[in-house]
Amino acid sequence: MPKQCFGTSHVPLSPAVRAGDFVYVSGQVPVGSDGMVVKGGIVEQTEQVLQNIKAALALAGCTMDDVVKTTVWLEDARDFGTFNTVYARHFPKDPPARTTVESRLMIDIKIEVEAVAYRPL
């Protein structure tokens, strides 16, 4: 089955790509609809990133309930507890598998998250 790309981006990537029953969401950063990094700390940036994931999933007909795996990059591991509290609100039951690492990020942000969703065609 060929892949299907969803959405557009100002960089060479698709926000979401369906390959069979799986939807892959590119790493989302805390950028609002105005294209600017949201002001605030890990709480505000995590909230924006998860809203961006939700929007990318919707392009492919998926919801947060369809997410089976996430990968999280935190700029500072000391933000883990606060990040985890916000993250848990978006996955209140049966949370996806997750990998979380501390990493220097490509722009001056505190978090990036990618997701994989499973939703049969």
PDB file of N, CA and C in Angstrom:
ATOM      1  N   MET A   1       0.837  -1.163   0.000  1.00  0.00           N
ATOM      2  CA  MET A   1       0.000   0.000   0.000  1.00  0.00           C
ATOM      3  C   MET A   1       0.891   1.238   0.000  1.00  0.00           C
ATOM      4  N   PRO A   2       0.626   2.216  -0.870  1.00  0.00           N
ATOM      5  CA  PRO A   2       1.449   3.416  -0.897  1.00  0.00           C
ATOM      6  C   PRO A   2       1.211   4.275   0.348  1.00  0.00           C
ATOM      7  N   LYS A   3       2.195   5.088   0.648  1.00  0.00           N
ATOM      8  CA  LYS A   3       2.041   5.988   1.783  1.00  0.00           C
ATOM      9  C   LYS A   3       1.185   7.182   1.380  1.00  0.00           C
ATOM     10  N   GLN A   4       0.557   7.811   2.367  1.00  0.00           N
ATOM     11  CA  GLN A   4      -0.255   8.991   2.143  1.00  0.00           C
ATOM     12  C   GLN A   4       0.219  10.062   3.113  1.00  0.00           C
ATOM     13  N   CYS A   5       0.604  11.215   2.572  1.00  0.00           N
ATOM     14  CA  CYS A   5       1.101  12.308   3.400  1.00  0.00           C
ATOM     15  C   CYS A   5      -0.027  13.285   3.692  1.00  0.00           C
ATOM     16  N   PHE A   6      -0.005  13.847   4.898  1.00  0.00           N
ATOM     17  CA  PHE A   6      -1.042  14.779   5.333  1.00  0.00           C
ATOM     18  C   PHE A   6      -0.399  16.081   5.776  1.00  0.00           C
ATOM     19  N   GLY A   7      -1.022  17.182   5.399  1.00  0.00           N
ATOM     20  CA  GLY A   7      -0.584  18.493   5.859  1.00  0.00           C
ATOM     21  C   GLY A   7       0.601  19.018   5.084  1.00  0.00           C
ATOM     22  N   THR A   8       0.916  20.259   5.365  1.00  0.00           N
ATOM     23  CA  THR A   8       2.055  20.914   4.732  1.00  0.00           C
ATOM     24  C   THR A   8       2.938  21.510   5.820  1.00  0.00           C
ATOM     25  N   SER A   9       4.162  21.789   5.446  1.00  0.00           N
ATOM     26  CA  SER A   9       5.115  22.325   6.385  1.00  0.00           C
ATOM     27  C   SER A   9       6.056  23.254   5.641  1.00  0.00           C
ATOM     28  N   HIS A  10       6.638  24.211   6.346  1.00  0.00           N
ATOM     29  CA  HIS A  10       7.617  25.109   5.728  1.00  0.00           C
ATOM     30  C   HIS A  10       9.007  24.483   5.676  1.00  0.00           C
ATOM     31  N   VAL A  11       9.147  23.268   6.194  1.00  0.00           N
ATOM     32  CA  VAL A  11      10.392  22.512   6.117  1.00  0.00           C
ATOM     33  C   VAL A  11      10.112  21.207   5.374  1.00  0.00           C
ATOM     34  N   PRO A  12      11.148  20.524   4.888  1.00  0.00           N
ATOM     35  CA  PRO A  12      10.918  19.338   4.055  1.00  0.00           C
ATOM     36  C   PRO A  12      10.503  18.103   4.856  1.00  0.00           C
ATOM     37  N   LEU A  13       9.268  18.128   5.361  1.00  0.00           N
ATOM     38  CA  LEU A  13       8.694  16.976   6.046  1.00  0.00           C
ATOM     39  C   LEU A  13       7.185  17.086   6.002  1.00  0.00           C
ATOM     40  N   SER A  14       6.529  15.977   6.235  1.00  0.00           N
ATOM     41  CA  SER A  14       5.068  15.951   6.342  1.00  0.00           C
ATOM     42  C   SER A  14       4.718  15.861   7.820  1.00  0.00           C
ATOM     43  N   PRO A  15       3.737  16.642   8.283  1.00  0.00           N
ATOM     44  CA  PRO A  15       3.336  16.539   9.679  1.00  0.00           C
ATOM     45  C   PRO A  15       2.888  15.126  10.061  1.00  0.00           C
ATOM     46  N   ALA A  16       2.211  14.440   9.128  1.00  0.00           N
ATOM     47  CA  ALA A  16       1.757  13.071   9.386  1.00  0.00           C
ATOM     48  C   ALA A  16       1.790  12.287   8.085  1.00  0.00           C
ATOM     49  N   VAL A  17       2.140  11.001   8.202  1.00  0.00           N
ATOM     50  CA  VAL A  17       2.179  10.098   7.052  1.00  0.00           C
ATOM     51  C   VAL A  17       1.507   8.799   7.454  1.00  0.00           C
ATOM     52  N   ARG A  18       0.558   8.343   6.637  1.00  0.00           N
ATOM     53  CA  ARG A  18      -0.060   7.040   6.856  1.00  0.00           C
ATOM     54  C   ARG A  18       0.665   6.023   5.990  1.00  0.00           C
ATOM     55  N   ALA A  19       1.023   4.901   6.609  1.00  0.00           N
ATOM     56  CA  ALA A  19       1.605   3.761   5.902  1.00  0.00           C
ATOM     57  C   ALA A  19       0.820   2.545   6.378  1.00  0.00           C
ATOM     58  N   GLY A  20      -0.144   2.110   5.569  1.00  0.00           N
ATOM     59  CA  GLY A  20      -1.019   1.019   5.979  1.00  0.00           C
ATOM     60  C   GLY A  20      -1.895   1.457   7.136  1.00  0.00           C
ATOM     61  N   ASP A  21      -1.881   0.679   8.201  1.00  0.00           N
ATOM     62  CA  ASP A  21      -2.719   0.984   9.362  1.00  0.00           C
ATOM     63  C   ASP A  21      -2.032   1.899  10.377  1.00  0.00           C
ATOM     64  N   PHE A  22      -0.803   2.307  10.090  1.00  0.00           N
ATOM     65  CA  PHE A  22      -0.052   3.154  11.015  1.00  0.00           C
ATOM     66  C   PHE A  22       0.040   4.581  10.509  1.00  0.00           C
ATOM     67  N   VAL A  23       0.005   5.519  11.436  1.00  0.00           N
ATOM     68  CA  VAL A  23       0.194   6.934  11.131  1.00  0.00           C
ATOM     69  C   VAL A  23       1.389   7.413  11.938  1.00  0.00           C
ATOM     70  N   TYR A  24       2.348   8.001  11.236  1.00  0.00           N
ATOM     71  CA  TYR A  24       3.570   8.503  11.855  1.00  0.00           C
ATOM     72  C   TYR A  24       3.497  10.024  11.894  1.00  0.00           C
ATOM     73  N   VAL A  25       3.615  10.579  13.083  1.00  0.00           N
ATOM     74  CA  VAL A  25       3.576  12.027  13.255  1.00  0.00           C
ATOM     75  C   VAL A  25       5.002  12.511  13.480  1.00  0.00           C
ATOM     76  N   SER A  26       5.426  13.441  12.629  1.00  0.00           N
ATOM     77  CA  SER A  26       6.762  14.014  12.761  1.00  0.00           C
ATOM     78  C   SER A  26       6.918  14.694  14.109  1.00  0.00           C
ATOM     79  N   GLY A  27       8.156  14.842  14.537  1.00  0.00           N
ATOM     80  CA  GLY A  27       8.432  15.526  15.794  1.00  0.00           C
ATOM     81  C   GLY A  27       7.765  16.893  15.822  1.00  0.00           C
ATOM     82  N   GLN A  28       6.983  17.119  16.850  1.00  0.00           N
ATOM     83  CA  GLN A  28       6.271  18.386  17.003  1.00  0.00           C
ATOM     84  C   GLN A  28       6.975  19.228  18.054  1.00  0.00           C
ATOM     85  N   VAL A  29       7.083  20.509  17.756  1.00  0.00           N
ATOM     86  CA  VAL A  29       7.728  21.459  18.651  1.00  0.00           C
ATOM     87  C   VAL A  29       6.694  22.462  19.147  1.00  0.00           C
ATOM     88  N   PRO A  30       7.012  23.227  20.186  1.00  0.00           N
ATOM     89  CA  PRO A  30       6.030  24.122  20.787  1.00  0.00           C
ATOM     90  C   PRO A  30       5.832  25.429  20.020  1.00  0.00           C
ATOM     91  N   VAL A  31       5.364  25.288  18.797  1.00  0.00           N
ATOM     92  CA  VAL A  31       5.107  26.442  17.943  1.00  0.00           C
ATOM     93  C   VAL A  31       3.598  26.585  17.791  1.00  0.00           C
ATOM     94  N   GLY A  32       3.104  27.795  18.035  1.00  0.00           N
ATOM     95  CA  GLY A  32       1.676  28.058  17.908  1.00  0.00           C
ATOM     96  C   GLY A  32       1.280  28.296  16.469  1.00  0.00           C
ATOM     97  N   SER A  33       0.006  28.574  16.260  1.00  0.00           N
ATOM     98  CA  SER A  33      -0.522  28.789  14.910  1.00  0.00           C
ATOM     99  C   SER A  33       0.097  30.015  14.244  1.00  0.00           C
ATOM    100  N   ASP A  34       0.693  30.907  15.032  1.00  0.00           N
ATOM    101  CA  ASP A  34       1.361  32.087  14.477  1.00  0.00           C
ATOM    102  C   ASP A  34       2.791  31.794  14.024  1.00  0.00           C
ATOM    103  N   GLY A  35       3.232  30.534  14.199  1.00  0.00           N
ATOM    104  CA  GLY A  35       4.575  30.146  13.784  1.00  0.00           C
ATOM    105  C   GLY A  35       5.665  30.498  14.782  1.00  0.00           C
ATOM    106  N   MET A  36       5.268  30.986  15.935  1.00  0.00           N
ATOM    107  CA  MET A  36       6.232  31.395  16.958  1.00  0.00           C
ATOM    108  C   MET A  36       6.263  30.377  18.097  1.00  0.00           C
ATOM    109  N   VAL A  37       7.439  30.213  18.709  1.00  0.00           N
ATOM    110  CA  VAL A  37       7.565  29.356  19.888  1.00  0.00           C
ATOM    111  C   VAL A  37       6.731  29.989  21.001  1.00  0.00           C
ATOM    112  N   VAL A  38       5.911  29.167  21.666  1.00  0.00           N
ATOM    113  CA  VAL A  38       5.061  29.686  22.739  1.00  0.00           C
ATOM    114  C   VAL A  38       5.922  30.160  23.906  1.00  0.00           C
ATOM    115  N   LYS A  39       5.461  31.195  24.537  1.00  0.00           N
ATOM    116  CA  LYS A  39       6.157  31.727  25.711  1.00  0.00           C
ATOM    117  C   LYS A  39       5.849  30.831  26.905  1.00  0.00           C
ATOM    118  N   GLY A  40       6.758  30.794  27.836  1.00  0.00           N
ATOM    119  CA  GLY A  40       6.540  30.008  29.036  1.00  0.00           C
ATOM    120  C   GLY A  40       7.559  28.903  29.168  1.00  0.00           C
ATOM    121  N   GLY A  41       7.309  28.054  30.144  1.00  0.00           N
ATOM    122  CA  GLY A  41       8.231  26.978  30.454  1.00  0.00           C
ATOM    123  C   GLY A  41       7.759  25.631  29.940  1.00  0.00           C
ATOM    124  N   ILE A  42       8.178  24.590  30.624  1.00  0.00           N
ATOM    125  CA  ILE A  42       7.886  23.229  30.177  1.00  0.00           C
ATOM    126  C   ILE A  42       6.391  22.941  30.159  1.00  0.00           C
ATOM    127  N   VAL A  43       5.619  23.507  31.066  1.00  0.00           N
ATOM    128  CA  VAL A  43       4.167  23.267  31.079  1.00  0.00           C
ATOM    129  C   VAL A  43       3.535  23.799  29.798  1.00  0.00           C
ATOM    130  N   GLU A  44       3.773  25.056  29.485  1.00  0.00           N
ATOM    131  CA  GLU A  44       3.172  25.672  28.302  1.00  0.00           C
ATOM    132  C   GLU A  44       3.680  25.015  27.019  1.00  0.00           C
ATOM    133  N   GLN A  45       4.978  24.703  26.980  1.00  0.00           N
ATOM    134  CA  GLN A  45       5.528  24.104  25.767  1.00  0.00           C
ATOM    135  C   GLN A  45       5.046  22.670  25.577  1.00  0.00           C
ATOM    136  N   THR A  46       4.929  21.907  26.644  1.00  0.00           N
ATOM    137  CA  THR A  46       4.400  20.543  26.522  1.00  0.00           C
ATOM    138  C   THR A  46       2.957  20.583  26.051  1.00  0.00           C
ATOM    139  N   GLU A  47       2.171  21.460  26.611  1.00  0.00           N
ATOM    140  CA  GLU A  47       0.766  21.592  26.215  1.00  0.00           C
ATOM    141  C   GLU A  47       0.663  21.907  24.723  1.00  0.00           C
ATOM    142  N   GLN A  48       1.471  22.837  24.230  1.00  0.00           N
ATOM    143  CA  GLN A  48       1.424  23.200  22.805  1.00  0.00           C
ATOM    144  C   GLN A  48       1.853  22.036  21.923  1.00  0.00           C
ATOM    145  N   VAL A  49       2.923  21.345  22.319  1.00  0.00           N
ATOM    146  CA  VAL A  49       3.397  20.200  21.535  1.00  0.00           C
ATOM    147  C   VAL A  49       2.304  19.136  21.425  1.00  0.00           C
ATOM    148  N   LEU A  50       1.640  18.828  22.523  1.00  0.00           N
ATOM    149  CA  LEU A  50       0.600  17.795  22.494  1.00  0.00           C
ATOM    150  C   LEU A  50      -0.619  18.253  21.707  1.00  0.00           C
ATOM    151  N   GLN A  51      -0.926  19.531  21.729  1.00  0.00           N
ATOM    152  CA  GLN A  51      -1.998  20.056  20.872  1.00  0.00           C
ATOM    153  C   GLN A  51      -1.596  19.935  19.400  1.00  0.00           C
ATOM    154  N   ASN A  52      -0.332  20.181  19.092  1.00  0.00           N
ATOM    155  CA  ASN A  52       0.152  20.037  17.714  1.00  0.00           C
ATOM    156  C   ASN A  52       0.089  18.581  17.257  1.00  0.00           C
ATOM    157  N   ILE A  53       0.403  17.650  18.157  1.00  0.00           N
ATOM    158  CA  ILE A  53       0.291  16.227  17.815  1.00  0.00           C
ATOM    159  C   ILE A  53      -1.167  15.883  17.536  1.00  0.00           C
ATOM    160  N   LYS A  54      -2.054  16.346  18.386  1.00  0.00           N
ATOM    161  CA  LYS A  54      -3.490  16.103  18.201  1.00  0.00           C
ATOM    162  C   LYS A  54      -3.949  16.616  16.838  1.00  0.00           C
ATOM    163  N   ALA A  55      -3.502  17.804  16.448  1.00  0.00           N
ATOM    164  CA  ALA A  55      -3.883  18.383  15.159  1.00  0.00           C
ATOM    165  C   ALA A  55      -3.309  17.569  13.994  1.00  0.00           C
ATOM    166  N   ALA A  56      -2.057  17.125  14.107  1.00  0.00           N
ATOM    167  CA  ALA A  56      -1.452  16.315  13.043  1.00  0.00           C
ATOM    168  C   ALA A  56      -2.173  14.975  12.914  1.00  0.00           C
ATOM    169  N   LEU A  57      -2.531  14.365  14.038  1.00  0.00           N
ATOM    170  CA  LEU A  57      -3.278  13.106  14.010  1.00  0.00           C
ATOM    171  C   LEU A  57      -4.629  13.287  13.325  1.00  0.00           C
ATOM    172  N   ALA A  58      -5.287  14.395  13.613  1.00  0.00           N
ATOM    173  CA  ALA A  58      -6.609  14.658  13.026  1.00  0.00           C
ATOM    174  C   ALA A  58      -6.532  14.730  11.506  1.00  0.00           C
ATOM    175  N   LEU A  59      -5.420  15.228  10.964  1.00  0.00           N
ATOM    176  CA  LEU A  59      -5.255  15.277   9.506  1.00  0.00           C
ATOM    177  C   LEU A  59      -5.385  13.885   8.892  1.00  0.00           C
ATOM    178  N   ALA A  60      -4.988  12.867   9.645  1.00  0.00           N
ATOM    179  CA  ALA A  60      -5.016  11.483   9.174  1.00  0.00           C
ATOM    180  C   ALA A  60      -6.211  10.711   9.727  1.00  0.00           C
ATOM    181  N   GLY A  61      -7.161  11.418  10.359  1.00  0.00           N
ATOM    182  CA  GLY A  61      -8.354  10.753  10.882  1.00  0.00           C
ATOM    183  C   GLY A  61      -8.118   9.996  12.173  1.00  0.00           C
ATOM    184  N   CYS A  62      -7.113  10.390  12.931  1.00  0.00           N
ATOM    185  CA  CYS A  62      -6.784   9.717  14.184  1.00  0.00           C
ATOM    186  C   CYS A  62      -6.989  10.647  15.373  1.00  0.00           C
ATOM    187  N   THR A  63      -6.988  10.057  16.568  1.00  0.00           N
ATOM    188  CA  THR A  63      -7.054  10.814  17.812  1.00  0.00           C
ATOM    189  C   THR A  63      -5.916  10.375  18.718  1.00  0.00           C
ATOM    190  N   MET A  64      -5.812  11.024  19.841  1.00  0.00           N
ATOM    191  CA  MET A  64      -4.788  10.661  20.816  1.00  0.00           C
ATOM    192  C   MET A  64      -4.995   9.235  21.325  1.00  0.00           C
ATOM    193  N   ASP A  65      -6.235   8.756  21.302  1.00  0.00           N
ATOM    194  CA  ASP A  65      -6.514   7.382  21.729  1.00  0.00           C
ATOM    195  C   ASP A  65      -5.879   6.343  20.807  1.00  0.00           C
ATOM    196  N   ASP A  66      -5.522   6.750  19.575  1.00  0.00           N
ATOM    197  CA  ASP A  66      -4.915   5.835  18.613  1.00  0.00           C
ATOM    198  C   ASP A  66      -3.396   5.756  18.753  1.00  0.00           C
ATOM    199  N   VAL A  67      -2.806   6.607  19.562  1.00  0.00           N
ATOM    200  CA  VAL A  67      -1.348   6.652  19.701  1.00  0.00           C
ATOM    201  C   VAL A  67      -0.863   5.413  20.455  1.00  0.00           C
ATOM    202  N   VAL A  68       0.105   4.715  19.855  1.00  0.00           N
ATOM    203  CA  VAL A  68       0.665   3.511  20.473  1.00  0.00           C
ATOM    204  C   VAL A  68       2.096   3.706  20.954  1.00  0.00           C
ATOM    205  N   LYS A  69       2.776   4.763  20.471  1.00  0.00           N
ATOM    206  CA  LYS A  69       4.184   4.991  20.848  1.00  0.00           C
ATOM    207  C   LYS A  69       4.504   6.463  20.684  1.00  0.00           C
ATOM    208  N   THR A  70       5.225   7.012  21.657  1.00  0.00           N
ATOM    209  CA  THR A  70       5.760   8.360  21.521  1.00  0.00           C
ATOM    210  C   THR A  70       7.247   8.330  21.849  1.00  0.00           C
ATOM    211  N   THR A  71       7.945   9.281  21.282  1.00  0.00           N
ATOM    212  CA  THR A  71       9.334   9.533  21.644  1.00  0.00           C
ATOM    213  C   THR A  71       9.412  10.996  22.035  1.00  0.00           C
ATOM    214  N   VAL A  72      10.008  11.252  23.193  1.00  0.00           N
ATOM    215  CA  VAL A  72      10.064  12.591  23.768  1.00  0.00           C
ATOM    216  C   VAL A  72      11.517  12.989  23.963  1.00  0.00           C
ATOM    217  N   TRP A  73      11.844  14.200  23.535  1.00  0.00           N
ATOM    218  CA  TRP A  73      13.151  14.782  23.789  1.00  0.00           C
ATOM    219  C   TRP A  73      12.943  15.989  24.685  1.00  0.00           C
ATOM    220  N   LEU A  74      13.570  15.964  25.852  1.00  0.00           N
ATOM    221  CA  LEU A  74      13.537  17.091  26.777  1.00  0.00           C
ATOM    222  C   LEU A  74      14.893  17.780  26.756  1.00  0.00           C
ATOM    223  N   GLU A  75      14.876  19.076  26.733  1.00  0.00           N
ATOM    224  CA  GLU A  75      16.116  19.848  26.756  1.00  0.00           C
ATOM    225  C   GLU A  75      16.804  19.717  28.115  1.00  0.00           C
ATOM    226  N   ASP A  76      16.001  19.517  29.174  1.00  0.00           N
ATOM    227  CA  ASP A  76      16.547  19.426  30.523  1.00  0.00           C
ATOM    228  C   ASP A  76      15.815  18.319  31.283  1.00  0.00           C
ATOM    229  N   ALA A  77      16.544  17.284  31.683  1.00  0.00           N
ATOM    230  CA  ALA A  77      15.928  16.150  32.385  1.00  0.00           C
ATOM    231  C   ALA A  77      15.252  16.565  33.687  1.00  0.00           C
ATOM    232  N   ARG A  78      15.647  17.707  34.242  1.00  0.00           N
ATOM    233  CA  ARG A  78      15.007  18.176  35.478  1.00  0.00           C
ATOM    234  C   ARG A  78      13.548  18.575  35.247  1.00  0.00           C
ATOM    235  N   ASP A  79      13.149  18.732  34.001  1.00  0.00           N
ATOM    236  CA  ASP A  79      11.751  19.048  33.665  1.00  0.00           C
ATOM    237  C   ASP A  79      10.880  17.801  33.586  1.00  0.00           C
ATOM    238  N   PHE A  80      11.465  16.621  33.768  1.00  0.00           N
ATOM    239  CA  PHE A  80      10.730  15.374  33.546  1.00  0.00           C
ATOM    240  C   PHE A  80       9.448  15.271  34.369  1.00  0.00           C
ATOM    241  N   GLY A  81       9.498  15.532  35.648  1.00  0.00           N
ATOM    242  CA  GLY A  81       8.318  15.396  36.502  1.00  0.00           C
ATOM    243  C   GLY A  81       7.187  16.308  36.068  1.00  0.00           C
ATOM    244  N   THR A  82       7.503  17.559  35.790  1.00  0.00           N
ATOM    245  CA  THR A  82       6.479  18.513  35.356  1.00  0.00           C
ATOM    246  C   THR A  82       5.923  18.120  33.991  1.00  0.00           C
ATOM    247  N   PHE A  83       6.820  17.763  33.067  1.00  0.00           N
ATOM    248  CA  PHE A  83       6.379  17.268  31.760  1.00  0.00           C
ATOM    249  C   PHE A  83       5.425  16.087  31.929  1.00  0.00           C
ATOM    250  N   ASN A  84       5.793  15.137  32.777  1.00  0.00           N
ATOM    251  CA  ASN A  84       5.015  13.913  32.959  1.00  0.00           C
ATOM    252  C   ASN A  84       3.595  14.218  33.434  1.00  0.00           C
ATOM    253  N   THR A  85       3.445  15.220  34.292  1.00  0.00           N
ATOM    254  CA  THR A  85       2.123  15.617  34.787  1.00  0.00           C
ATOM    255  C   THR A  85       1.244  16.113  33.640  1.00  0.00           C
ATOM    256  N   VAL A  86       1.797  16.968  32.777  1.00  0.00           N
ATOM    257  CA  VAL A  86       1.029  17.484  31.629  1.00  0.00           C
ATOM    258  C   VAL A  86       0.723  16.347  30.658  1.00  0.00           C
ATOM    259  N   TYR A  87       1.718  15.541  30.354  1.00  0.00           N
ATOM    260  CA  TYR A  87       1.568  14.423  29.413  1.00  0.00           C
ATOM    261  C   TYR A  87       0.450  13.485  29.870  1.00  0.00           C
ATOM    262  N   ALA A  88       0.422  13.177  31.158  1.00  0.00           N
ATOM    263  CA  ALA A  88      -0.576  12.237  31.694  1.00  0.00           C
ATOM    264  C   ALA A  88      -1.998  12.729  31.477  1.00  0.00           C
ATOM    265  N   ARG A  89      -2.212  14.030  31.475  1.00  0.00           N
ATOM    266  CA  ARG A  89      -3.563  14.570  31.222  1.00  0.00           C
ATOM    267  C   ARG A  89      -4.033  14.281  29.801  1.00  0.00           C
ATOM    268  N   HIS A  90      -3.111  14.144  28.872  1.00  0.00           N
ATOM    269  CA  HIS A  90      -3.466  13.884  27.471  1.00  0.00           C
ATOM    270  C   HIS A  90      -3.623  12.391  27.173  1.00  0.00           C
ATOM    271  N   PHE A  91      -3.123  11.548  28.054  1.00  0.00           N
ATOM    272  CA  PHE A  91      -3.240  10.100  27.912  1.00  0.00           C
ATOM    273  C   PHE A  91      -3.731   9.530  29.240  1.00  0.00           C
ATOM    274  N   PRO A  92      -4.992   9.831  29.618  1.00  0.00           N
ATOM    275  CA  PRO A  92      -5.479   9.467  30.952  1.00  0.00           C
ATOM    276  C   PRO A  92      -5.655   7.971  31.188  1.00  0.00           C
ATOM    277  N   LYS A  93      -5.857   7.184  30.117  1.00  0.00           N
ATOM    278  CA  LYS A  93      -5.974   5.733  30.291  1.00  0.00           C
ATOM    279  C   LYS A  93      -5.242   5.050  29.155  1.00  0.00           C
ATOM    280  N   ASP A  94      -4.717   3.895  29.438  1.00  0.00           N
ATOM    281  CA  ASP A  94      -3.962   3.123  28.452  1.00  0.00           C
ATOM    282  C   ASP A  94      -2.954   3.992  27.692  1.00  0.00           C
ATOM    283  N   PRO A  95      -2.017   4.612  28.402  1.00  0.00           N
ATOM    284  CA  PRO A  95      -1.049   5.471  27.710  1.00  0.00           C
ATOM    285  C   PRO A  95      -0.179   4.666  26.757  1.00  0.00           C
ATOM    286  N   PRO A  96       0.338   5.336  25.730  1.00  0.00           N
ATOM    287  CA  PRO A  96       1.190   4.641  24.766  1.00  0.00           C
ATOM    288  C   PRO A  96       2.544   4.279  25.364  1.00  0.00           C
ATOM    289  N   ALA A  97       3.236   3.375  24.701  1.00  0.00           N
ATOM    290  CA  ALA A  97       4.634   3.126  25.038  1.00  0.00           C
ATOM    291  C   ALA A  97       5.388   4.439  24.797  1.00  0.00           C
ATOM    292  N   ARG A  98       6.462   4.658  25.548  1.00  0.00           N
ATOM    293  CA  ARG A  98       7.145   5.947  25.421  1.00  0.00           C
ATOM    294  C   ARG A  98       8.623   5.799  25.716  1.00  0.00           C
ATOM    295  N   THR A  99       9.409   6.548  24.982  1.00  0.00           N
ATOM    296  CA  THR A  99      10.822   6.723  25.255  1.00  0.00           C
ATOM    297  C   THR A  99      11.029   8.207  25.529  1.00  0.00           C
ATOM    298  N   THR A 100      11.738   8.537  26.607  1.00  0.00           N
ATOM    299  CA  THR A 100      12.024   9.930  26.930  1.00  0.00           C
ATOM    300  C   THR A 100      13.519  10.073  27.166  1.00  0.00           C
ATOM    301  N   VAL A 101      14.121  11.038  26.483  1.00  0.00           N
ATOM    302  CA  VAL A 101      15.559  11.269  26.620  1.00  0.00           C
ATOM    303  C   VAL A 101      15.829  12.758  26.789  1.00  0.00           C
ATOM    304  N   GLU A 102      16.985  13.062  27.367  1.00  0.00           N
ATOM    305  CA  GLU A 102      17.447  14.442  27.426  1.00  0.00           C
ATOM    306  C   GLU A 102      18.341  14.669  26.215  1.00  0.00           C
ATOM    307  N   SER A 103      18.130  15.795  25.535  1.00  0.00           N
ATOM    308  CA  SER A 103      18.874  16.042  24.313  1.00  0.00           C
ATOM    309  C   SER A 103      18.935  17.534  24.022  1.00  0.00           C
ATOM    310  N   ARG A 104      20.008  17.959  23.417  1.00  0.00           N
ATOM    311  CA  ARG A 104      20.045  19.317  22.884  1.00  0.00           C
ATOM    312  C   ARG A 104      19.130  19.328  21.666  1.00  0.00           C
ATOM    313  N   LEU A 105      18.265  20.327  21.554  1.00  0.00           N
ATOM    314  CA  LEU A 105      17.289  20.375  20.470  1.00  0.00           C
ATOM    315  C   LEU A 105      17.738  21.356  19.386  1.00  0.00           C
ATOM    316  N   MET A 106      17.087  21.279  18.230  1.00  0.00           N
ATOM    317  CA  MET A 106      17.516  22.030  17.054  1.00  0.00           C
ATOM    318  C   MET A 106      17.283  23.533  17.169  1.00  0.00           C
ATOM    319  N   ILE A 107      16.276  23.934  17.947  1.00  0.00           N
ATOM    320  CA  ILE A 107      16.019  25.349  18.187  1.00  0.00           C
ATOM    321  C   ILE A 107      15.906  25.546  19.696  1.00  0.00           C
ATOM    322  N   ASP A 108      15.776  26.761  20.149  1.00  0.00           N
ATOM    323  CA  ASP A 108      15.744  27.059  21.580  1.00  0.00           C
ATOM    324  C   ASP A 108      14.357  26.756  22.157  1.00  0.00           C
ATOM    325  N   ILE A 109      14.143  25.460  22.416  1.00  0.00           N
ATOM    326  CA  ILE A 109      12.875  24.983  22.958  1.00  0.00           C
ATOM    327  C   ILE A 109      13.174  23.980  24.063  1.00  0.00           C
ATOM    328  N   LYS A 110      12.146  23.618  24.815  1.00  0.00           N
ATOM    329  CA  LYS A 110      12.324  22.702  25.935  1.00  0.00           C
ATOM    330  C   LYS A 110      11.918  21.268  25.628  1.00  0.00           C
ATOM    331  N   ILE A 111      11.154  21.055  24.522  1.00  0.00           N
ATOM    332  CA  ILE A 111      10.591  19.724  24.276  1.00  0.00           C
ATOM    333  C   ILE A 111      10.273  19.527  22.801  1.00  0.00           C
ATOM    334  N   GLU A 112      10.387  18.280  22.370  1.00  0.00           N
ATOM    335  CA  GLU A 112       9.899  17.837  21.058  1.00  0.00           C
ATOM    336  C   GLU A 112       9.332  16.435  21.269  1.00  0.00           C
ATOM    337  N   VAL A 113       8.227  16.135  20.577  1.00  0.00           N
ATOM    338  CA  VAL A 113       7.579  14.825  20.709  1.00  0.00           C
ATOM    339  C   VAL A 113       7.162  14.337  19.331  1.00  0.00           C
ATOM    340  N   GLU A 114       7.440  13.063  19.044  1.00  0.00           N
ATOM    341  CA  GLU A 114       6.897  12.412  17.855  1.00  0.00           C
ATOM    342  C   GLU A 114       5.985  11.292  18.325  1.00  0.00           C
ATOM    343  N   ALA A 115       5.079  10.870  17.433  1.00  0.00           N
ATOM    344  CA  ALA A 115       4.109   9.847  17.815  1.00  0.00           C
ATOM    345  C   ALA A 115       3.856   8.898  16.664  1.00  0.00           C
ATOM    346  N   VAL A 116       3.464   7.676  17.037  1.00  0.00           N
ATOM    347  CA  VAL A 116       3.001   6.670  16.073  1.00  0.00           C
ATOM    348  C   VAL A 116       1.604   6.247  16.530  1.00  0.00           C
ATOM    349  N   ALA A 117       0.675   6.269  15.597  1.00  0.00           N
ATOM    350  CA  ALA A 117      -0.700   5.864  15.898  1.00  0.00           C
ATOM    351  C   ALA A 117      -1.056   4.647  15.061  1.00  0.00           C
ATOM    352  N   TYR A 118      -1.966   3.839  15.578  1.00  0.00           N
ATOM    353  CA  TYR A 118      -2.464   2.668  14.863  1.00  0.00           C
ATOM    354  C   TYR A 118      -3.968   2.832  14.704  1.00  0.00           C
ATOM    355  N   ARG A 119      -4.410   2.880  13.455  1.00  0.00           N
ATOM    356  CA  ARG A 119      -5.842   2.985  13.161  1.00  0.00           C
ATOM    357  C   ARG A 119      -6.086   2.251  11.847  1.00  0.00           C
ATOM    358  N   PRO A 120      -6.670   1.045  11.924  1.00  0.00           N
ATOM    359  CA  PRO A 120      -6.887   0.265  10.694  1.00  0.00           C
ATOM    360  C   PRO A 120      -7.720   1.040   9.669  1.00  0.00           C
ATOM    361  N   LEU A 121      -7.332   0.851   8.427  1.00  0.00           N
ATOM    362  CA  LEU A 121      -8.069   1.505   7.331  1.00  0.00           C
ATOM    363  C   LEU A 121      -9.471   0.961   7.199  1.00  0.00           C
TER     364      LEU A 121
END
